Amino acid sequence: MRITYYGHSCFSVELGSHRLLFDPFISPNPLASKIDLKSIQADTIFISHAHEDHLADAVALARQCDALVVSNWEIVQWFGRQGFEKLQPLNHGGGFNLDQLHITMTQALHSSSFPDGSYGGNPSGFVIRSQEASFYYSGDTGLFSDIKLIPEKGKLHFAALPMGDVFTMGHADAATAASWLGVPKVLGLHYDTFPPHPTGQNGSPRRF
């Protein structure tokens, strides 16, 4: 298993023959300005919710890579209206097999709207399990006690958790989540990309 972090909440995991990409937000991120989108390869793209800082490069990369897009019903339908056909909708607690992987969608305590403000479906996380390794990506979320149930179905090798506070859980709650999950390693996400204040310089709301 190989993990590559692209900044904010975007990372990829090479697991067996699969190249999995999560929440692609690269080109609008000044901290990721040296990353060339054309260099990124993925066969499956996961989108946890519809906020721009998780969706910005998803269309371009899904088209570039001819990737399967996995997300909630509303986001999958949004891709379908743009001509995409390799789509897998899920809802909380649902899952499917992808070759040697089993993918389950989990709940997340957050909101979800597209950049135009329209409803973006249920925010979510994902559990990816295989014989080689298993891991949990929480998506943007606050701490919730059902996180304790996730490792009951099998050991996790790592978790990807937000820790930036303001719009997600902060580092203390992320540490609590990690202890509940029993993971030896954590990939900290959604941290220090933007100023912590929830408004822009002109006082208008910023979407995170």
N, C-alpha and C. Protein backbone atom coordinates (compact mmCIF):
# COMPACT_ATOMS: atom_id res chain seq x y z
N MET A 1 0.84 -1.19 0.00
CA MET A 1 0.00 0.00 0.00
C MET A 1 0.88 1.25 0.00
N ARG A 2 0.53 2.20 -0.87
CA ARG A 2 1.27 3.46 -0.96
C ARG A 2 0.29 4.62 -0.89
N ILE A 3 0.58 5.59 -0.01
CA ILE A 3 -0.29 6.74 0.20
C ILE A 3 0.42 7.99 -0.30
N THR A 4 -0.28 8.82 -1.07
CA THR A 4 0.24 10.10 -1.53
C THR A 4 -0.72 11.20 -1.09
N TYR A 5 -0.19 12.22 -0.42
CA TYR A 5 -1.01 13.33 0.06
C TYR A 5 -0.84 14.52 -0.87
N TYR A 6 -1.97 15.04 -1.39
CA TYR A 6 -1.95 16.15 -2.33
C TYR A 6 -2.37 17.48 -1.70
N GLY A 7 -2.61 17.49 -0.42
CA GLY A 7 -2.98 18.71 0.26
C GLY A 7 -4.46 18.74 0.63
N HIS A 8 -4.77 19.54 1.65
CA HIS A 8 -6.13 19.71 2.19
C HIS A 8 -6.70 18.33 2.55
N SER A 9 -7.73 17.87 1.86
CA SER A 9 -8.28 16.54 2.16
C SER A 9 -8.09 15.56 1.00
N CYS A 10 -7.22 15.89 0.08
CA CYS A 10 -7.01 15.06 -1.10
C CYS A 10 -5.80 14.15 -0.92
N PHE A 11 -6.04 12.86 -1.12
CA PHE A 11 -4.94 11.89 -1.04
C PHE A 11 -5.29 10.71 -1.93
N SER A 12 -4.28 9.94 -2.27
CA SER A 12 -4.50 8.72 -3.06
C SER A 12 -3.90 7.54 -2.32
N VAL A 13 -4.46 6.37 -2.61
CA VAL A 13 -3.97 5.12 -2.03
C VAL A 13 -3.82 4.11 -3.16
N GLU A 14 -2.64 3.58 -3.32
CA GLU A 14 -2.40 2.47 -4.23
C GLU A 14 -2.50 1.20 -3.42
N LEU A 15 -3.51 0.40 -3.73
CA LEU A 15 -3.81 -0.80 -2.93
C LEU A 15 -4.03 -1.95 -3.90
N GLY A 16 -3.09 -2.90 -3.92
CA GLY A 16 -3.14 -3.95 -4.91
C GLY A 16 -3.02 -3.32 -6.30
N SER A 17 -3.96 -3.67 -7.17
CA SER A 17 -3.94 -3.10 -8.52
C SER A 17 -4.74 -1.82 -8.63
N HIS A 18 -5.30 -1.35 -7.51
CA HIS A 18 -6.19 -0.18 -7.51
C HIS A 18 -5.43 1.10 -7.19
N ARG A 19 -5.85 2.19 -7.85
CA ARG A 19 -5.36 3.52 -7.54
C ARG A 19 -6.57 4.37 -7.17
N LEU A 20 -6.70 4.62 -5.88
CA LEU A 20 -7.88 5.27 -5.32
C LEU A 20 -7.56 6.72 -4.99
N LEU A 21 -8.40 7.63 -5.42
CA LEU A 21 -8.19 9.06 -5.18
C LEU A 21 -9.39 9.61 -4.41
N PHE A 22 -9.11 10.42 -3.39
CA PHE A 22 -10.16 10.94 -2.52
C PHE A 22 -10.21 12.46 -2.57
N ASP A 23 -11.40 12.98 -2.76
CA ASP A 23 -11.73 14.40 -2.66
C ASP A 23 -10.72 15.31 -3.34
N PRO A 24 -10.67 15.27 -4.69
CA PRO A 24 -9.64 16.03 -5.40
C PRO A 24 -9.86 17.54 -5.40
N PHE A 25 -9.07 18.22 -4.61
CA PHE A 25 -9.03 19.68 -4.53
C PHE A 25 -7.56 20.06 -4.58
N ILE A 26 -7.07 20.36 -5.80
CA ILE A 26 -5.64 20.59 -6.00
C ILE A 26 -5.39 21.92 -6.70
N SER A 27 -5.94 22.12 -7.88
CA SER A 27 -5.63 23.32 -8.66
C SER A 27 -6.03 24.61 -7.97
N PRO A 28 -7.12 24.70 -7.18
CA PRO A 28 -7.43 25.96 -6.50
C PRO A 28 -6.65 26.16 -5.19
N ASN A 29 -5.88 25.16 -4.79
CA ASN A 29 -5.17 25.21 -3.51
C ASN A 29 -3.78 25.78 -3.71
N PRO A 30 -3.50 26.99 -3.21
CA PRO A 30 -2.17 27.57 -3.43
C PRO A 30 -1.04 26.74 -2.82
N LEU A 31 -1.34 25.95 -1.81
CA LEU A 31 -0.32 25.11 -1.20
C LEU A 31 0.02 23.90 -2.06
N ALA A 32 -0.79 23.65 -3.10
CA ALA A 32 -0.54 22.52 -4.00
C ALA A 32 -0.19 22.99 -5.40
N SER A 33 0.33 24.21 -5.52
CA SER A 33 0.55 24.83 -6.82
C SER A 33 1.59 24.10 -7.68
N LYS A 34 2.46 23.31 -7.06
CA LYS A 34 3.49 22.60 -7.82
C LYS A 34 3.03 21.25 -8.34
N ILE A 35 1.81 20.87 -8.00
CA ILE A 35 1.31 19.57 -8.44
C ILE A 35 0.66 19.70 -9.82
N ASP A 36 1.08 18.88 -10.74
CA ASP A 36 0.54 18.87 -12.09
C ASP A 36 -0.61 17.86 -12.15
N LEU A 37 -1.82 18.33 -12.41
CA LEU A 37 -2.97 17.43 -12.48
C LEU A 37 -2.76 16.32 -13.50
N LYS A 38 -2.05 16.61 -14.57
CA LYS A 38 -1.86 15.61 -15.63
C LYS A 38 -1.03 14.43 -15.15
N SER A 39 -0.31 14.62 -14.04
CA SER A 39 0.53 13.53 -13.52
C SER A 39 -0.25 12.56 -12.64
N ILE A 40 -1.49 12.91 -12.30
CA ILE A 40 -2.27 12.10 -11.36
C ILE A 40 -3.02 11.01 -12.10
N GLN A 41 -2.90 9.80 -11.60
CA GLN A 41 -3.59 8.66 -12.18
C GLN A 41 -4.50 8.04 -11.12
N ALA A 42 -5.68 7.67 -11.52
CA ALA A 42 -6.63 7.05 -10.60
C ALA A 42 -7.62 6.23 -11.40
N ASP A 43 -8.01 5.07 -10.87
CA ASP A 43 -9.08 4.30 -11.51
C ASP A 43 -10.41 4.47 -10.78
N THR A 44 -10.36 4.96 -9.52
CA THR A 44 -11.59 5.20 -8.75
C THR A 44 -11.42 6.51 -7.98
N ILE A 45 -12.42 7.37 -8.07
CA ILE A 45 -12.41 8.64 -7.35
C ILE A 45 -13.58 8.65 -6.37
N PHE A 46 -13.26 8.93 -5.11
CA PHE A 46 -14.26 8.99 -4.04
C PHE A 46 -14.49 10.45 -3.67
N ILE A 47 -15.75 10.82 -3.55
CA ILE A 47 -16.10 12.18 -3.16
C ILE A 47 -17.00 12.12 -1.93
N SER A 48 -16.54 12.70 -0.83
CA SER A 48 -17.26 12.58 0.43
C SER A 48 -18.46 13.51 0.52
N HIS A 49 -18.38 14.67 -0.11
CA HIS A 49 -19.50 15.61 -0.14
C HIS A 49 -19.23 16.65 -1.21
N ALA A 50 -20.20 17.56 -1.42
CA ALA A 50 -20.20 18.40 -2.61
C ALA A 50 -19.51 19.75 -2.45
N HIS A 51 -18.95 20.05 -1.30
CA HIS A 51 -18.29 21.35 -1.14
C HIS A 51 -17.11 21.47 -2.11
N GLU A 52 -16.89 22.68 -2.56
CA GLU A 52 -15.90 22.91 -3.61
C GLU A 52 -14.50 22.44 -3.22
N ASP A 53 -14.15 22.53 -1.94
CA ASP A 53 -12.81 22.12 -1.53
C ASP A 53 -12.66 20.60 -1.44
N HIS A 54 -13.64 19.87 -1.95
CA HIS A 54 -13.54 18.41 -2.06
C HIS A 54 -13.90 17.93 -3.46
N LEU A 55 -14.37 18.86 -4.31
CA LEU A 55 -14.93 18.51 -5.60
C LEU A 55 -14.27 19.22 -6.77
N ALA A 56 -13.42 20.21 -6.48
CA ALA A 56 -12.99 21.17 -7.51
C ALA A 56 -12.38 20.53 -8.76
N ASP A 57 -11.54 19.51 -8.58
CA ASP A 57 -10.87 18.89 -9.73
C ASP A 57 -11.46 17.54 -10.09
N ALA A 58 -12.59 17.20 -9.49
CA ALA A 58 -13.14 15.86 -9.68
C ALA A 58 -13.57 15.60 -11.12
N VAL A 59 -14.24 16.55 -11.74
CA VAL A 59 -14.69 16.36 -13.12
C VAL A 59 -13.50 16.20 -14.06
N ALA A 60 -12.52 17.10 -13.93
CA ALA A 60 -11.36 17.05 -14.81
C ALA A 60 -10.59 15.73 -14.65
N LEU A 61 -10.41 15.29 -13.42
CA LEU A 61 -9.64 14.07 -13.20
C LEU A 61 -10.42 12.82 -13.56
N ALA A 62 -11.72 12.83 -13.31
CA ALA A 62 -12.53 11.67 -13.71
C ALA A 62 -12.51 11.49 -15.22
N ARG A 63 -12.54 12.62 -15.93
CA ARG A 63 -12.49 12.54 -17.40
C ARG A 63 -11.08 12.16 -17.87
N GLN A 64 -10.06 12.76 -17.26
CA GLN A 64 -8.68 12.46 -17.65
C GLN A 64 -8.34 10.99 -17.44
N CYS A 65 -8.79 10.44 -16.31
CA CYS A 65 -8.41 9.08 -15.92
C CYS A 65 -9.43 8.02 -16.33
N ASP A 66 -10.58 8.46 -16.86
CA ASP A 66 -11.68 7.54 -17.16
C ASP A 66 -11.99 6.70 -15.91
N ALA A 67 -12.12 7.39 -14.79
CA ALA A 67 -12.24 6.73 -13.49
C ALA A 67 -13.70 6.49 -13.11
N LEU A 68 -13.92 5.48 -12.30
CA LEU A 68 -15.19 5.27 -11.64
C LEU A 68 -15.35 6.30 -10.54
N VAL A 69 -16.50 6.96 -10.46
CA VAL A 69 -16.78 7.93 -9.41
C VAL A 69 -17.72 7.30 -8.39
N VAL A 70 -17.31 7.34 -7.12
CA VAL A 70 -18.10 6.77 -6.02
C VAL A 70 -18.50 7.90 -5.08
N SER A 71 -19.79 8.06 -4.87
CA SER A 71 -20.24 9.13 -3.98
C SER A 71 -21.72 8.90 -3.65
N ASN A 72 -22.34 9.91 -3.04
CA ASN A 72 -23.75 9.80 -2.73
C ASN A 72 -24.60 9.94 -4.00
N TRP A 73 -25.90 9.70 -3.86
CA TRP A 73 -26.78 9.70 -5.02
C TRP A 73 -26.78 11.04 -5.75
N GLU A 74 -26.87 12.14 -4.99
CA GLU A 74 -26.97 13.45 -5.60
C GLU A 74 -25.71 13.83 -6.38
N ILE A 75 -24.55 13.53 -5.83
CA ILE A 75 -23.30 13.84 -6.54
C ILE A 75 -23.14 12.96 -7.77
N VAL A 76 -23.49 11.69 -7.65
CA VAL A 76 -23.42 10.79 -8.80
C VAL A 76 -24.35 11.27 -9.91
N GLN A 77 -25.56 11.72 -9.56
CA GLN A 77 -26.48 12.24 -10.56
C GLN A 77 -25.92 13.51 -11.22
N TRP A 78 -25.24 14.33 -10.45
CA TRP A 78 -24.60 15.55 -10.97
C TRP A 78 -23.56 15.19 -12.02
N PHE A 79 -22.77 14.15 -11.75
CA PHE A 79 -21.80 13.68 -12.74
C PHE A 79 -22.51 13.10 -13.97
N GLY A 80 -23.60 12.39 -13.74
CA GLY A 80 -24.33 11.80 -14.85
C GLY A 80 -24.86 12.86 -15.82
N ARG A 81 -25.29 13.99 -15.27
CA ARG A 81 -25.78 15.06 -16.13
C ARG A 81 -24.67 15.69 -16.97
N GLN A 82 -23.42 15.41 -16.61
CA GLN A 82 -22.29 15.93 -17.37
C GLN A 82 -21.71 14.87 -18.32
N GLY A 83 -22.45 13.79 -18.49
CA GLY A 83 -22.08 12.79 -19.48
C GLY A 83 -21.29 11.61 -18.96
N PHE A 84 -21.02 11.54 -17.65
CA PHE A 84 -20.26 10.42 -17.10
C PHE A 84 -21.16 9.20 -16.94
N GLU A 85 -20.58 8.02 -17.18
CA GLU A 85 -21.33 6.78 -17.06
C GLU A 85 -20.74 5.82 -16.04
N LYS A 86 -19.46 5.96 -15.73
CA LYS A 86 -18.83 5.07 -14.75
C LYS A 86 -19.07 5.64 -13.36
N LEU A 87 -20.20 5.27 -12.77
CA LEU A 87 -20.67 5.88 -11.54
C LEU A 87 -21.17 4.81 -10.58
N GLN A 88 -20.90 5.00 -9.28
CA GLN A 88 -21.42 4.09 -8.27
C GLN A 88 -22.00 4.91 -7.11
N PRO A 89 -23.33 5.01 -7.03
CA PRO A 89 -23.93 5.72 -5.89
C PRO A 89 -23.98 4.82 -4.66
N LEU A 90 -23.87 5.46 -3.50
CA LEU A 90 -24.00 4.76 -2.22
C LEU A 90 -24.78 5.65 -1.26
N ASN A 91 -25.25 5.04 -0.19
CA ASN A 91 -25.79 5.81 0.93
C ASN A 91 -25.27 5.19 2.22
N HIS A 92 -25.48 5.87 3.32
CA HIS A 92 -24.90 5.46 4.60
C HIS A 92 -25.19 3.99 4.92
N GLY A 93 -24.14 3.25 5.22
CA GLY A 93 -24.27 1.83 5.56
C GLY A 93 -24.24 0.91 4.37
N GLY A 94 -24.37 1.46 3.16
CA GLY A 94 -24.34 0.64 1.96
C GLY A 94 -22.92 0.39 1.49
N GLY A 95 -22.75 -0.68 0.73
CA GLY A 95 -21.42 -1.00 0.23
C GLY A 95 -21.49 -1.80 -1.06
N PHE A 96 -20.32 -2.05 -1.65
CA PHE A 96 -20.23 -2.87 -2.85
C PHE A 96 -18.83 -3.42 -2.97
N ASN A 97 -18.68 -4.46 -3.77
CA ASN A 97 -17.39 -5.06 -4.03
C ASN A 97 -16.81 -4.51 -5.31
N LEU A 98 -15.54 -4.16 -5.28
CA LEU A 98 -14.81 -3.68 -6.44
C LEU A 98 -13.58 -4.55 -6.57
N ASP A 99 -13.68 -5.59 -7.40
CA ASP A 99 -12.62 -6.59 -7.50
C ASP A 99 -12.29 -7.13 -6.12
N GLN A 100 -11.08 -6.92 -5.63
CA GLN A 100 -10.67 -7.47 -4.33
C GLN A 100 -10.94 -6.51 -3.17
N LEU A 101 -11.62 -5.40 -3.43
CA LEU A 101 -11.93 -4.43 -2.38
C LEU A 101 -13.39 -4.52 -1.99
N HIS A 102 -13.68 -4.21 -0.73
CA HIS A 102 -15.07 -3.96 -0.33
C HIS A 102 -15.14 -2.53 0.20
N ILE A 103 -16.08 -1.78 -0.32
CA ILE A 103 -16.21 -0.36 -0.02
C ILE A 103 -17.54 -0.12 0.67
N THR A 104 -17.50 0.57 1.81
CA THR A 104 -18.70 0.90 2.56
C THR A 104 -18.75 2.41 2.79
N MET A 105 -19.92 2.98 2.65
CA MET A 105 -20.10 4.40 2.95
C MET A 105 -20.56 4.56 4.40
N THR A 106 -19.94 5.49 5.10
CA THR A 106 -20.29 5.77 6.49
C THR A 106 -20.90 7.17 6.60
N GLN A 107 -21.55 7.42 7.70
CA GLN A 107 -22.08 8.76 7.94
C GLN A 107 -20.96 9.74 8.28
N ALA A 108 -21.25 11.01 8.14
CA ALA A 108 -20.36 12.09 8.58
C ALA A 108 -21.23 13.23 9.09
N LEU A 109 -20.79 13.87 10.14
CA LEU A 109 -21.52 15.02 10.70
C LEU A 109 -20.99 16.29 10.05
N HIS A 110 -21.67 16.72 9.02
CA HIS A 110 -21.21 17.87 8.25
C HIS A 110 -22.39 18.38 7.43
N SER A 111 -22.13 19.21 6.44
CA SER A 111 -23.14 19.65 5.49
C SER A 111 -22.65 19.32 4.09
N SER A 112 -23.49 19.56 3.08
CA SER A 112 -23.07 19.24 1.72
C SER A 112 -23.90 20.05 0.74
N SER A 113 -23.24 20.94 0.01
CA SER A 113 -23.90 21.71 -1.04
C SER A 113 -22.91 21.94 -2.17
N PHE A 114 -23.44 21.98 -3.38
CA PHE A 114 -22.60 22.25 -4.55
C PHE A 114 -22.18 23.72 -4.56
N PRO A 115 -21.17 24.08 -5.34
CA PRO A 115 -20.70 25.46 -5.38
C PRO A 115 -21.80 26.48 -5.69
N ASP A 116 -22.86 26.06 -6.39
CA ASP A 116 -23.95 26.99 -6.68
C ASP A 116 -24.97 27.07 -5.55
N GLY A 117 -24.72 26.35 -4.46
CA GLY A 117 -25.60 26.38 -3.31
C GLY A 117 -26.67 25.31 -3.30
N SER A 118 -26.82 24.54 -4.36
CA SER A 118 -27.84 23.50 -4.39
C SER A 118 -27.44 22.32 -3.51
N TYR A 119 -28.44 21.54 -3.14
CA TYR A 119 -28.25 20.44 -2.19
C TYR A 119 -27.31 19.38 -2.74
N GLY A 120 -26.35 18.98 -1.90
CA GLY A 120 -25.34 18.03 -2.33
C GLY A 120 -25.45 16.65 -1.73
N GLY A 121 -26.61 16.31 -1.16
CA GLY A 121 -26.78 14.97 -0.60
C GLY A 121 -26.12 14.81 0.76
N ASN A 122 -26.15 13.59 1.27
CA ASN A 122 -25.60 13.31 2.59
C ASN A 122 -24.07 13.33 2.57
N PRO A 123 -23.44 14.08 3.47
CA PRO A 123 -21.98 13.98 3.60
C PRO A 123 -21.62 12.59 4.12
N SER A 124 -20.43 12.14 3.80
CA SER A 124 -20.10 10.75 4.13
C SER A 124 -18.62 10.55 4.34
N GLY A 125 -18.30 9.36 4.79
CA GLY A 125 -16.95 8.83 4.81
C GLY A 125 -16.95 7.48 4.11
N PHE A 126 -15.78 6.84 4.07
CA PHE A 126 -15.66 5.55 3.39
C PHE A 126 -14.74 4.62 4.18
N VAL A 127 -15.11 3.35 4.22
CA VAL A 127 -14.21 2.31 4.72
C VAL A 127 -13.84 1.42 3.54
N ILE A 128 -12.54 1.25 3.34
CA ILE A 128 -12.02 0.41 2.26
C ILE A 128 -11.35 -0.80 2.90
N ARG A 129 -11.80 -2.00 2.52
CA ARG A 129 -11.23 -3.21 3.10
C ARG A 129 -10.72 -4.14 1.99
N SER A 130 -9.56 -4.72 2.25
CA SER A 130 -9.01 -5.74 1.36
C SER A 130 -8.15 -6.67 2.19
N GLN A 131 -7.70 -7.77 1.59
CA GLN A 131 -6.82 -8.68 2.31
C GLN A 131 -5.46 -8.05 2.59
N GLU A 132 -5.06 -7.11 1.74
CA GLU A 132 -3.76 -6.47 1.92
C GLU A 132 -3.79 -5.42 3.03
N ALA A 133 -4.81 -4.59 3.05
CA ALA A 133 -4.90 -3.51 4.04
C ALA A 133 -6.31 -2.96 4.05
N SER A 134 -6.67 -2.31 5.16
CA SER A 134 -7.98 -1.68 5.29
C SER A 134 -7.80 -0.32 5.94
N PHE A 135 -8.65 0.64 5.55
CA PHE A 135 -8.53 1.97 6.15
C PHE A 135 -9.87 2.69 6.12
N TYR A 136 -9.93 3.78 6.88
CA TYR A 136 -11.14 4.58 7.01
C TYR A 136 -10.82 6.03 6.68
N TYR A 137 -11.60 6.60 5.78
CA TYR A 137 -11.55 8.03 5.52
C TYR A 137 -12.87 8.61 6.02
N SER A 138 -12.80 9.49 6.99
CA SER A 138 -14.01 9.98 7.65
C SER A 138 -14.76 11.03 6.85
N GLY A 139 -14.11 11.64 5.83
CA GLY A 139 -14.68 12.84 5.23
C GLY A 139 -14.67 13.96 6.26
N ASP A 140 -15.26 15.08 5.91
CA ASP A 140 -15.37 16.18 6.88
C ASP A 140 -16.41 15.79 7.91
N THR A 141 -16.04 15.80 9.17
CA THR A 141 -16.99 15.39 10.20
C THR A 141 -16.59 15.94 11.56
N GLY A 142 -17.58 16.04 12.42
CA GLY A 142 -17.33 16.19 13.83
C GLY A 142 -17.23 14.80 14.45
N LEU A 143 -16.82 14.78 15.69
CA LEU A 143 -16.70 13.50 16.41
C LEU A 143 -18.10 12.94 16.69
N PHE A 144 -18.29 11.65 16.45
CA PHE A 144 -19.55 11.00 16.81
C PHE A 144 -19.24 9.59 17.32
N SER A 145 -20.05 9.13 18.26
CA SER A 145 -19.70 7.92 19.00
C SER A 145 -19.74 6.65 18.15
N ASP A 146 -20.49 6.64 17.05
CA ASP A 146 -20.55 5.43 16.23
C ASP A 146 -19.23 5.13 15.52
N ILE A 147 -18.29 6.06 15.57
CA ILE A 147 -16.95 5.76 15.05
C ILE A 147 -16.39 4.52 15.76
N LYS A 148 -16.80 4.31 17.00
CA LYS A 148 -16.32 3.15 17.77
C LYS A 148 -16.69 1.83 17.10
N LEU A 149 -17.77 1.82 16.30
CA LEU A 149 -18.26 0.58 15.69
C LEU A 149 -17.44 0.18 14.46
N ILE A 150 -16.75 1.11 13.85
CA ILE A 150 -16.10 0.84 12.56
C ILE A 150 -15.06 -0.27 12.66
N PRO A 151 -14.18 -0.30 13.67
CA PRO A 151 -13.18 -1.38 13.70
C PRO A 151 -13.73 -2.73 14.13
N GLU A 152 -15.01 -2.80 14.52
CA GLU A 152 -15.56 -4.09 14.93
C GLU A 152 -15.63 -5.08 13.77
N LYS A 153 -15.62 -4.58 12.54
CA LYS A 153 -15.67 -5.45 11.37
C LYS A 153 -14.28 -5.83 10.86
N GLY A 154 -13.25 -5.41 11.58
CA GLY A 154 -11.90 -5.79 11.17
C GLY A 154 -10.89 -4.69 11.44
N LYS A 155 -9.66 -5.09 11.60
CA LYS A 155 -8.57 -4.16 11.90
C LYS A 155 -8.38 -3.16 10.76
N LEU A 156 -8.10 -1.93 11.16
CA LEU A 156 -7.78 -0.87 10.21
C LEU A 156 -6.30 -0.55 10.29
N HIS A 157 -5.67 -0.32 9.14
CA HIS A 157 -4.24 -0.03 9.12
C HIS A 157 -3.94 1.46 9.29
N PHE A 158 -4.87 2.31 8.88
CA PHE A 158 -4.74 3.73 9.14
C PHE A 158 -6.10 4.39 8.98
N ALA A 159 -6.20 5.63 9.46
CA ALA A 159 -7.39 6.45 9.28
C ALA A 159 -6.98 7.81 8.76
N ALA A 160 -7.79 8.37 7.88
CA ALA A 160 -7.61 9.73 7.38
C ALA A 160 -8.70 10.59 8.01
N LEU A 161 -8.30 11.53 8.86
CA LEU A 161 -9.24 12.28 9.68
C LEU A 161 -8.98 13.78 9.56
N PRO A 162 -10.03 14.61 9.53
CA PRO A 162 -9.83 16.06 9.56
C PRO A 162 -9.43 16.48 10.98
N MET A 163 -8.66 17.57 11.06
CA MET A 163 -8.21 18.02 12.38
C MET A 163 -8.11 19.54 12.46
N GLY A 164 -8.75 20.25 11.53
CA GLY A 164 -8.56 21.68 11.43
C GLY A 164 -9.46 22.54 12.31
N ASP A 165 -10.48 21.91 12.95
CA ASP A 165 -11.43 22.65 13.77
C ASP A 165 -12.25 23.61 12.92
N VAL A 166 -13.06 24.46 13.49
CA VAL A 166 -13.95 25.44 12.86
C VAL A 166 -15.06 24.74 12.07
N PHE A 167 -14.72 23.98 11.02
CA PHE A 167 -15.72 23.32 10.18
C PHE A 167 -15.69 21.80 10.31
N THR A 168 -14.70 21.26 11.01
CA THR A 168 -14.60 19.82 11.27
C THR A 168 -14.13 19.65 12.70
N MET A 169 -13.94 18.42 13.12
CA MET A 169 -13.35 18.22 14.43
C MET A 169 -11.92 18.75 14.45
N GLY A 170 -11.49 19.16 15.62
CA GLY A 170 -10.13 19.63 15.81
C GLY A 170 -9.20 18.50 16.18
N HIS A 171 -7.97 18.85 16.51
CA HIS A 171 -6.96 17.80 16.73
C HIS A 171 -7.26 16.93 17.94
N ALA A 172 -7.86 17.51 19.00
CA ALA A 172 -8.15 16.72 20.18
C ALA A 172 -9.22 15.67 19.89
N ASP A 173 -10.28 16.08 19.18
CA ASP A 173 -11.32 15.12 18.83
C ASP A 173 -10.81 14.11 17.80
N ALA A 174 -9.92 14.53 16.91
CA ALA A 174 -9.33 13.59 15.96
C ALA A 174 -8.51 12.53 16.70
N ALA A 175 -7.80 12.95 17.74
CA ALA A 175 -7.04 11.98 18.54
C ALA A 175 -7.97 11.00 19.25
N THR A 176 -9.11 11.50 19.73
CA THR A 176 -10.09 10.61 20.34
C THR A 176 -10.62 9.61 19.32
N ALA A 177 -10.96 10.10 18.13
CA ALA A 177 -11.43 9.20 17.07
C ALA A 177 -10.39 8.13 16.75
N ALA A 178 -9.12 8.53 16.67
CA ALA A 178 -8.06 7.57 16.37
C ALA A 178 -7.94 6.50 17.45
N SER A 179 -8.13 6.91 18.71
CA SER A 179 -8.04 5.93 19.80
C SER A 179 -9.22 4.96 19.73
N TRP A 180 -10.40 5.46 19.40
CA TRP A 180 -11.55 4.57 19.24
C TRP A 180 -11.36 3.60 18.09
N LEU A 181 -10.74 4.07 17.02
CA LEU A 181 -10.52 3.24 15.84
C LEU A 181 -9.39 2.23 16.03
N GLY A 182 -8.51 2.50 16.99
CA GLY A 182 -7.40 1.61 17.25
C GLY A 182 -6.37 1.57 16.13
N VAL A 183 -6.21 2.69 15.44
CA VAL A 183 -5.30 2.70 14.29
C VAL A 183 -3.89 3.10 14.73
N PRO A 184 -2.86 2.48 14.14
CA PRO A 184 -1.49 2.84 14.47
C PRO A 184 -1.02 4.11 13.79
N LYS A 185 -1.71 4.52 12.70
CA LYS A 185 -1.28 5.69 11.94
C LYS A 185 -2.51 6.50 11.54
N VAL A 186 -2.32 7.84 11.51
CA VAL A 186 -3.39 8.75 11.11
C VAL A 186 -2.84 9.73 10.09
N LEU A 187 -3.60 9.95 9.02
CA LEU A 187 -3.31 11.00 8.05
C LEU A 187 -4.20 12.19 8.42
N GLY A 188 -3.58 13.28 8.90
CA GLY A 188 -4.33 14.46 9.31
C GLY A 188 -4.68 15.33 8.12
N LEU A 189 -5.96 15.70 7.99
CA LEU A 189 -6.47 16.41 6.82
C LEU A 189 -7.18 17.70 7.22
N HIS A 190 -7.53 18.49 6.19
CA HIS A 190 -8.37 19.68 6.36
C HIS A 190 -7.77 20.60 7.42
N TYR A 191 -6.48 20.89 7.28
CA TYR A 191 -5.75 21.65 8.29
C TYR A 191 -4.84 22.68 7.63
N ASP A 192 -5.00 23.95 8.01
CA ASP A 192 -4.06 25.01 7.64
C ASP A 192 -4.05 25.34 6.15
N THR A 193 -5.11 24.97 5.43
CA THR A 193 -5.19 25.34 4.02
C THR A 193 -5.61 26.79 3.87
N PHE A 194 -6.59 27.19 4.69
CA PHE A 194 -7.17 28.52 4.63
C PHE A 194 -7.00 29.21 5.98
N PRO A 195 -7.20 30.53 6.02
CA PRO A 195 -7.28 31.20 7.33
C PRO A 195 -8.39 30.58 8.17
N PRO A 196 -8.21 30.53 9.46
CA PRO A 196 -9.22 29.87 10.30
C PRO A 196 -10.53 30.62 10.41
N HIS A 197 -10.52 31.93 10.09
CA HIS A 197 -11.75 32.70 10.22
C HIS A 197 -12.71 32.33 9.09
N PRO A 198 -14.00 32.15 9.37
CA PRO A 198 -14.92 31.63 8.36
C PRO A 198 -15.40 32.64 7.34
N THR A 199 -14.83 33.83 7.26
CA THR A 199 -15.22 34.78 6.23
C THR A 199 -14.02 35.21 5.43
N GLY A 200 -14.26 35.62 4.19
CA GLY A 200 -13.20 36.12 3.34
C GLY A 200 -12.84 37.54 3.66
N GLN A 201 -11.90 38.10 2.93
CA GLN A 201 -11.42 39.45 3.22
C GLN A 201 -12.53 40.50 3.04
N ASN A 202 -13.48 40.21 2.18
CA ASN A 202 -14.56 41.17 1.99
C ASN A 202 -15.76 40.91 2.89
N GLY A 203 -15.59 39.98 3.82
CA GLY A 203 -16.66 39.67 4.76
C GLY A 203 -17.65 38.65 4.26
N SER A 204 -17.49 38.19 3.03
CA SER A 204 -18.43 37.20 2.50
C SER A 204 -18.07 35.81 3.01
N PRO A 205 -19.07 34.94 3.18
CA PRO A 205 -18.79 33.59 3.69
C PRO A 205 -17.87 32.83 2.76
N ARG A 206 -17.00 32.03 3.34
CA ARG A 206 -16.14 31.15 2.56
C ARG A 206 -16.60 29.73 2.81
N ARG A 207 -16.61 28.91 1.74
CA ARG A 207 -17.04 27.53 1.85
C ARG A 207 -15.81 26.64 2.03
N PHE A 208 -15.87 25.81 3.05
CA PHE A 208 -14.74 24.91 3.34
C PHE A 208 -15.18 23.47 3.18
